[in-house]
């Protein structure tokens, strides 16, 4: 069976506090508290495993009480599988796993996140993780590697780059991060960059020293030229999402064939309960369909990811959705294609 390897090297013990109204500088008493697993890789695995518990192998650093709790919770989604331990690669660290606290205000619908410093990872812990990942890539049928979020603070950029260089043939690499990723992108092993539009502008500023692009299209072109990416998938909260395709790169590749250049996704209006993990859900479901439905057009796979992300916003737990709600959201997303990457995004046909 084909698997996705999700790198969740910076997990979190996630606390979510819900307030009727949040007032900065005053005592605020929460009306609800939920404790869940946090971290982009962990959320990615959670979402993908809704579609199939055996779809994803998760690699993570864990330590202390918070790490033990995260390890136990993550294991529940694969506990009934044969050889269940292989689906969660956990390297124990001396430092405890960080805590992240999310504040949700019902009145304003705004979200505030408080994030602890990341743990320090020792040289031995780093080396153990690299060896575990190498063993996984050697012994399992890995068809995609998802690099999710930043690595812990003292883990160098070369760590992700070295993992990307290990990718097997016929294996795609998705990167869902924008800070400290120049080296892994520089390997030209990354196939898909999935970030939000603000992150795209921030990344473009690190690779263009003169005439910094002022448009999404300019930033996309800069990234395509610098890193030989095949696809850039962009989200922007409740606003439009986009899938850009590097036609020259795709034309010379036998992986992820497609002929269109750009798709625009008009997102449905929904009553958001908890947006935490929506972006990770989009990445997970996107990659799941690329791996498990190879004949599905790439723009449809991304639409599935966006539909799952919308559905997950209706759950207080985050990154949880039903297939029925995902299908309903899929039907509400309107997709248009445009002929050019550089020109304006003018709708030409509804899919």
Protein backbone atom coordinates (compact mmCIF):
# COMPACT_ATOMS: atom_id res chain seq x y z
CA UNK A 1 0.00 0.00 0.00
CA UNK A 2 1.15 3.56 -0.74
CA UNK A 3 1.84 5.91 2.18
CA UNK A 4 2.47 9.58 2.84
CA UNK A 5 5.35 10.46 5.17
CA UNK A 6 4.41 13.57 7.15
CA UNK A 7 7.20 15.41 8.96
CA UNK A 8 5.76 16.98 12.09
CA UNK A 9 8.99 17.89 13.83
CA UNK A 10 7.54 20.73 15.91
CA UNK A 11 4.42 19.28 17.59
CA UNK A 12 2.43 20.95 20.34
CA UNK A 13 0.18 20.29 23.29
CA UNK A 14 -2.69 22.46 22.03
CA UNK A 15 -5.06 24.26 24.39
CA UNK A 16 -8.04 26.11 22.91
CA UNK A 17 -9.93 28.59 25.08
CA UNK A 18 -13.28 30.01 23.95
CA UNK A 19 -14.40 33.42 25.26
CA UNK A 20 -17.69 35.21 24.77
CA UNK A 21 -15.59 38.36 24.46
CA UNK A 22 -11.84 38.81 24.75
CA UNK A 23 -10.53 42.04 26.25
CA UNK A 24 -6.78 42.71 26.20
CA UNK A 25 -5.43 44.04 29.50
CA UNK A 26 -8.27 42.62 31.58
CA UNK A 27 -9.09 39.32 33.31
CA UNK A 28 -10.76 37.01 30.77
CA UNK A 29 -12.59 33.89 31.91
CA UNK A 30 -13.02 31.20 29.28
CA UNK A 31 -16.37 29.48 28.83
CA UNK A 32 -14.85 26.42 27.16
CA UNK A 33 -11.50 24.61 27.19
CA UNK A 34 -10.37 21.87 24.84
CA UNK A 35 -6.99 20.15 24.80
CA UNK A 36 -5.91 18.58 21.52
CA UNK A 37 -2.80 17.69 19.55
CA UNK A 38 -1.18 20.64 17.80
CA UNK A 39 1.53 21.02 15.20
CA UNK A 40 1.23 21.19 11.41
CA UNK A 41 2.46 17.66 10.75
CA UNK A 42 0.22 16.20 13.44
CA UNK A 43 -2.80 18.04 12.04
CA UNK A 44 -1.87 16.91 8.53
CA UNK A 45 -1.77 13.27 9.66
CA UNK A 46 -5.03 13.63 11.58
CA UNK A 47 -6.86 14.92 8.51
CA UNK A 48 -5.39 12.36 6.09
CA UNK A 49 -6.22 9.52 8.46
CA UNK A 50 -9.90 10.49 8.38
CA UNK A 51 -9.82 9.32 4.76
CA UNK A 52 -7.72 6.26 5.58
CA UNK A 53 -6.01 5.48 8.92
CA UNK A 54 -3.11 3.78 7.14
CA UNK A 55 -2.55 6.63 4.67
CA UNK A 56 0.07 8.50 6.66
CA UNK A 57 3.24 7.77 8.62
CA UNK A 58 4.01 10.61 11.03
CA UNK A 59 7.54 11.53 12.18
CA UNK A 60 7.81 13.70 15.30
CA UNK A 61 10.07 14.80 18.16
CA UNK A 62 8.36 14.36 21.55
CA UNK A 63 9.44 14.93 25.14
CA UNK A 64 8.15 15.33 28.68
CA UNK A 65 4.56 15.02 29.94
CA UNK A 66 3.20 17.04 27.03
CA UNK A 67 5.05 14.83 24.55
CA UNK A 68 3.75 11.64 26.18
CA UNK A 69 0.21 12.97 25.97
CA UNK A 70 0.62 13.90 22.30
CA UNK A 71 2.12 10.49 21.51
CA UNK A 72 -0.82 8.68 23.11
CA UNK A 73 -3.41 10.81 21.34
CA UNK A 74 -1.78 10.52 17.91
CA UNK A 75 -1.58 6.75 18.25
CA UNK A 76 -5.35 6.43 18.69
CA UNK A 77 -5.99 6.97 14.97
CA UNK A 78 -3.86 3.97 14.00
CA UNK A 79 -4.28 1.75 17.05
CA UNK A 80 -6.39 -0.86 15.22
CA UNK A 81 -3.99 -1.25 12.29
CA UNK A 82 -1.61 -4.19 11.93
CA UNK A 83 1.91 -3.10 12.88
CA UNK A 84 0.40 0.07 14.31
CA UNK A 85 3.73 1.31 15.73
CA UNK A 86 5.21 1.85 12.27
CA UNK A 87 2.71 4.62 11.53
CA UNK A 88 4.11 6.92 14.23
CA UNK A 89 7.85 7.55 14.31
CA UNK A 90 8.50 9.27 17.64
CA UNK A 91 12.00 10.29 18.72
CA UNK A 92 12.13 11.12 22.43
CA UNK A 93 13.75 14.42 23.38
CA UNK A 94 15.17 15.65 26.66
CA UNK A 95 13.25 18.93 26.41
CA UNK A 96 9.45 18.82 26.75
CA UNK A 97 7.11 19.31 23.80
CA UNK A 98 5.91 22.93 23.59
CA UNK A 99 2.43 24.13 24.56
CA UNK A 100 0.36 26.30 22.22
CA UNK A 101 -2.68 28.20 23.48
CA UNK A 102 -5.38 29.47 21.13
CA UNK A 103 -7.82 32.16 22.24
CA UNK A 104 -11.12 32.24 20.32
CA UNK A 105 -13.43 35.24 20.70
CA UNK A 106 -17.07 34.50 19.89
CA UNK A 107 -18.00 38.16 19.53
CA UNK A 108 -15.37 39.15 16.97
CA UNK A 109 -14.71 35.66 15.52
CA UNK A 110 -11.01 36.47 15.90
CA UNK A 111 -8.31 34.02 16.90
CA UNK A 112 -5.15 34.73 18.90
CA UNK A 113 -2.35 32.18 19.30
CA UNK A 114 0.22 32.03 22.11
CA UNK A 115 3.11 29.73 21.24
CA UNK A 116 5.79 28.46 23.63
CA UNK A 117 9.44 28.35 22.52
CA UNK A 118 10.34 25.18 20.65
CA UNK A 119 12.42 22.53 22.44
CA UNK A 120 16.14 22.23 21.83
CA UNK A 121 16.98 19.09 19.86
CA UNK A 122 20.32 17.40 20.59
CA UNK A 123 22.69 16.12 17.91
CA UNK A 124 21.92 12.51 18.84
CA UNK A 125 18.17 13.17 18.64
CA UNK A 126 18.57 14.73 15.18
CA UNK A 127 20.66 11.84 13.95
CA UNK A 128 18.17 9.30 15.30
CA UNK A 129 15.36 11.04 13.42
CA UNK A 130 17.30 11.08 10.14
CA UNK A 131 18.01 7.35 10.51
CA UNK A 132 14.35 6.58 11.26
CA UNK A 133 13.21 8.56 8.23
CA UNK A 134 15.79 6.88 6.00
CA UNK A 135 14.63 3.45 7.21
CA UNK A 136 11.02 4.42 6.51
CA UNK A 137 11.80 5.60 2.99
CA UNK A 138 13.75 2.42 2.35
CA UNK A 139 11.29 -0.10 3.78
CA UNK A 140 7.87 1.45 3.12
CA UNK A 141 6.10 2.36 -0.12
CA UNK A 142 6.28 6.14 0.35
CA UNK A 143 4.67 8.04 -2.52
CA UNK A 144 4.72 11.51 -0.94
CA UNK A 145 6.70 13.41 1.68
CA UNK A 146 4.93 16.32 3.38
CA UNK A 147 7.27 18.79 5.09
CA UNK A 148 4.95 20.55 7.51
CA UNK A 149 5.86 23.76 9.28
CA UNK A 150 9.10 24.96 10.75
CA UNK A 151 11.62 22.67 12.38
CA UNK A 152 12.46 23.24 16.07
CA UNK A 153 14.60 26.33 16.61
CA UNK A 154 18.06 24.76 16.71
CA UNK A 155 17.47 22.34 13.83
CA UNK A 156 19.31 23.77 10.78
CA UNK A 157 17.82 24.37 7.33
CA UNK A 158 19.98 21.54 6.01
CA UNK A 159 17.87 19.04 8.00
CA UNK A 160 14.85 19.34 5.71
CA UNK A 161 17.12 19.60 2.67
CA UNK A 162 18.84 16.32 3.53
CA UNK A 163 15.47 14.60 3.90
CA UNK A 164 14.27 15.94 0.54
CA UNK A 165 17.38 14.50 -1.11
CA UNK A 166 16.42 11.06 0.24
CA UNK A 167 13.11 10.98 -1.62
CA UNK A 168 12.55 7.82 -3.69
CA UNK A 169 11.77 7.93 -7.39
CA UNK A 170 8.10 8.55 -8.22
CA UNK A 171 7.68 10.27 -4.85
CA UNK A 172 6.40 13.84 -4.65
CA UNK A 173 7.43 16.35 -1.99
CA UNK A 174 5.04 18.98 -0.64
CA UNK A 175 6.36 21.85 1.46
CA UNK A 176 3.92 23.67 3.75
CA UNK A 177 6.23 26.26 5.27
CA UNK A 178 7.90 29.53 4.32
CA UNK A 179 10.44 30.39 7.03
CA UNK A 180 13.94 28.98 6.80
CA UNK A 181 13.09 26.89 3.73
CA UNK A 182 15.48 28.34 1.13
CA UNK A 183 17.87 25.40 1.44
CA UNK A 184 15.24 22.69 1.03
CA UNK A 185 13.70 24.60 -1.90
CA UNK A 186 17.20 25.00 -3.31
CA UNK A 187 17.53 21.22 -3.64
CA UNK A 188 14.84 21.46 -6.37
CA UNK A 189 13.36 18.27 -4.92
CA UNK A 190 10.17 20.03 -3.79
CA UNK A 191 7.27 19.52 -6.21
CA UNK A 192 4.50 21.49 -4.50
CA UNK A 193 4.69 24.62 -2.35
CA UNK A 194 1.48 25.08 -0.36
CA UNK A 195 1.33 28.28 1.71
CA UNK A 196 -0.95 31.28 2.13
CA UNK A 197 -0.67 34.51 0.19
CA UNK A 198 0.95 36.52 3.00
CA UNK A 199 3.57 33.80 3.34
CA UNK A 200 4.17 33.86 -0.42
CA UNK A 201 5.01 37.58 -0.31
CA UNK A 202 7.33 37.03 2.66
CA UNK A 203 9.11 34.19 0.87
CA UNK A 204 9.49 36.17 -2.36
CA UNK A 205 11.25 38.97 -0.48
CA UNK A 206 13.95 36.49 0.58
CA UNK A 207 14.75 35.40 -2.99
CA UNK A 208 14.41 38.65 -4.95
CA UNK A 209 16.76 41.49 -3.98
CA UNK A 210 15.71 44.00 -6.64
CA UNK A 211 12.29 44.80 -8.09
CA UNK A 212 10.48 42.78 -5.45
CA UNK A 213 7.19 41.53 -6.92
CA UNK A 214 4.12 43.44 -5.81
CA UNK A 215 1.56 40.94 -7.11
CA UNK A 216 0.74 37.32 -6.41
CA UNK A 217 1.60 36.46 -10.01
CA UNK A 218 5.01 38.09 -9.74
CA UNK A 219 5.81 36.21 -6.54
CA UNK A 220 4.67 32.93 -8.10
CA UNK A 221 6.92 33.45 -11.11
CA UNK A 222 9.87 34.31 -8.87
CA UNK A 223 9.41 31.07 -6.92
CA UNK A 224 8.96 28.99 -10.06
CA UNK A 225 12.18 30.37 -11.54
CA UNK A 226 14.21 30.03 -8.35
CA UNK A 227 13.12 26.59 -7.21
CA UNK A 228 11.81 24.62 -10.24
CA UNK A 229 8.52 23.89 -8.48
CA UNK A 230 5.75 22.10 -10.36
CA UNK A 231 2.85 23.63 -8.40
CA UNK A 232 2.16 26.45 -6.00
CA UNK A 233 -1.10 26.13 -4.05
CA UNK A 234 -2.23 29.27 -2.25
CA UNK A 235 -4.91 29.91 0.35
CA UNK A 236 -6.16 33.22 1.72
CA UNK A 237 -8.60 32.42 4.52
CA UNK A 238 -12.19 32.96 3.34
CA UNK A 239 -11.01 34.70 0.16
CA UNK A 240 -10.07 33.05 -3.13
CA UNK A 241 -7.56 30.22 -3.26
CA UNK A 242 -5.29 29.51 -6.24
CA UNK A 243 -3.40 26.66 -7.86
CA UNK A 244 -0.56 27.74 -10.16
CA UNK A 245 1.11 25.22 -12.43
CA UNK A 246 4.61 25.53 -13.85
CA UNK A 247 3.78 24.42 -17.37
CA UNK A 248 7.38 24.02 -18.53
CA UNK A 249 8.28 21.90 -15.50
CA UNK A 250 5.17 19.73 -15.77
CA UNK A 251 5.58 19.19 -19.51
CA UNK A 252 8.98 17.57 -18.95
CA UNK A 253 7.77 15.38 -16.09
CA UNK A 254 5.77 12.20 -15.99
CA UNK A 255 4.45 13.09 -12.53
CA UNK A 256 1.25 15.06 -11.97
CA UNK A 257 0.50 15.76 -15.63
CA UNK A 258 -1.86 18.61 -16.39
CA UNK A 259 -2.29 21.20 -19.13
CA UNK A 260 -3.92 24.19 -17.39
CA UNK A 261 -1.85 27.02 -15.95
CA UNK A 262 -3.86 28.55 -13.15
CA UNK A 263 -7.06 27.83 -11.25
CA UNK A 264 -8.99 30.22 -9.03
CA UNK A 265 -11.24 28.81 -6.31
CA UNK A 266 -14.07 30.95 -4.98
CA UNK A 267 -14.61 29.78 -1.42
CA UNK A 268 -18.10 29.43 0.11
CA UNK A 269 -19.30 31.61 2.95
CA UNK A 270 -19.49 29.55 6.16
CA UNK A 271 -20.05 30.15 9.87
CA UNK A 272 -16.58 29.35 11.19
CA UNK A 273 -16.40 27.61 14.56
CA UNK A 274 -12.64 26.94 14.68
CA UNK A 275 -10.26 27.68 11.78
CA UNK A 276 -7.27 26.03 13.47
CA UNK A 277 -5.76 23.38 11.20
CA UNK A 278 -7.78 24.26 8.10
CA UNK A 279 -4.67 24.91 6.02
CA UNK A 280 -3.08 21.65 7.15
CA UNK A 281 -6.31 19.82 6.36
CA UNK A 282 -6.24 21.25 2.83
CA UNK A 283 -2.66 20.04 2.37
CA UNK A 284 -3.38 16.57 3.72
CA UNK A 285 -6.46 15.88 1.63
CA UNK A 286 -4.80 17.41 -1.45
CA UNK A 287 -1.81 15.08 -1.17
CA UNK A 288 -4.00 12.10 -0.23
CA UNK A 289 -5.87 12.34 -3.53
CA UNK A 290 -2.69 12.91 -5.53
CA UNK A 291 -1.27 9.68 -4.09
CA UNK A 292 -4.37 7.51 -4.04
CA UNK A 293 -6.22 8.80 -7.12
CA UNK A 294 -3.40 9.31 -9.64
CA UNK A 295 -5.83 9.77 -12.53
CA UNK A 296 -7.60 12.66 -10.80
CA UNK A 297 -6.63 16.06 -12.25
CA UNK A 298 -4.49 18.03 -9.87
CA UNK A 299 -6.90 20.95 -9.70
CA UNK A 300 -9.66 18.59 -8.55
CA UNK A 301 -7.40 17.10 -5.88
CA UNK A 302 -6.78 20.60 -4.54
CA UNK A 303 -10.50 21.32 -4.63
CA UNK A 304 -11.01 18.24 -2.43
CA UNK A 305 -8.43 19.63 -0.02
CA UNK A 306 -10.15 23.00 0.13
CA UNK A 307 -13.53 21.33 0.65
CA UNK A 308 -12.19 19.34 3.60
CA UNK A 309 -10.63 22.52 5.01
CA UNK A 310 -13.98 24.32 4.87
CA UNK A 311 -15.70 21.36 6.50
CA UNK A 312 -13.08 21.27 9.27
CA UNK A 313 -13.84 24.90 10.18
CA UNK A 314 -17.28 23.76 11.37
CA UNK A 315 -15.76 21.57 14.13
CA UNK A 316 -14.57 22.95 17.47
CA UNK A 317 -11.76 20.37 17.47
CA UNK A 318 -10.12 21.55 14.25
CA UNK A 319 -8.93 19.30 11.40
CA UNK A 320 -12.00 17.12 11.86
CA UNK A 321 -14.61 16.68 9.16
CA UNK A 322 -17.09 14.19 7.79
CA UNK A 323 -17.00 12.95 4.22
CA UNK A 324 -20.59 14.11 3.81
CA UNK A 325 -19.74 17.67 4.85
CA UNK A 326 -16.62 17.62 2.68
CA UNK A 327 -18.70 16.58 -0.34
CA UNK A 328 -21.21 19.35 0.38
CA UNK A 329 -18.45 21.94 0.54
CA UNK A 330 -16.89 20.58 -2.66
CA UNK A 331 -20.12 21.40 -4.47
CA UNK A 332 -20.13 24.95 -3.10
CA UNK A 333 -16.60 25.81 -4.27
CA UNK A 334 -16.58 27.51 -7.67
CA UNK A 335 -13.50 26.98 -9.82
CA UNK A 336 -12.34 29.06 -12.79
CA UNK A 337 -9.33 28.59 -15.01
CA UNK A 338 -7.27 31.29 -16.66
CA UNK A 339 -4.86 31.08 -19.59
CA UNK A 340 -1.87 32.85 -18.14
CA UNK A 341 0.20 32.82 -14.98
CA UNK A 342 1.35 36.41 -15.34
CA UNK A 343 -1.83 38.10 -16.53
CA UNK A 344 -4.92 39.00 -14.59
CA UNK A 345 -7.06 36.20 -13.21
CA UNK A 346 -10.16 36.68 -15.30
CA UNK A 347 -12.71 33.87 -15.04
CA UNK A 348 -13.13 32.11 -18.37
CA UNK A 349 -14.93 28.89 -17.66
CA UNK A 350 -16.65 27.32 -14.70
CA UNK A 351 -15.63 23.74 -13.92
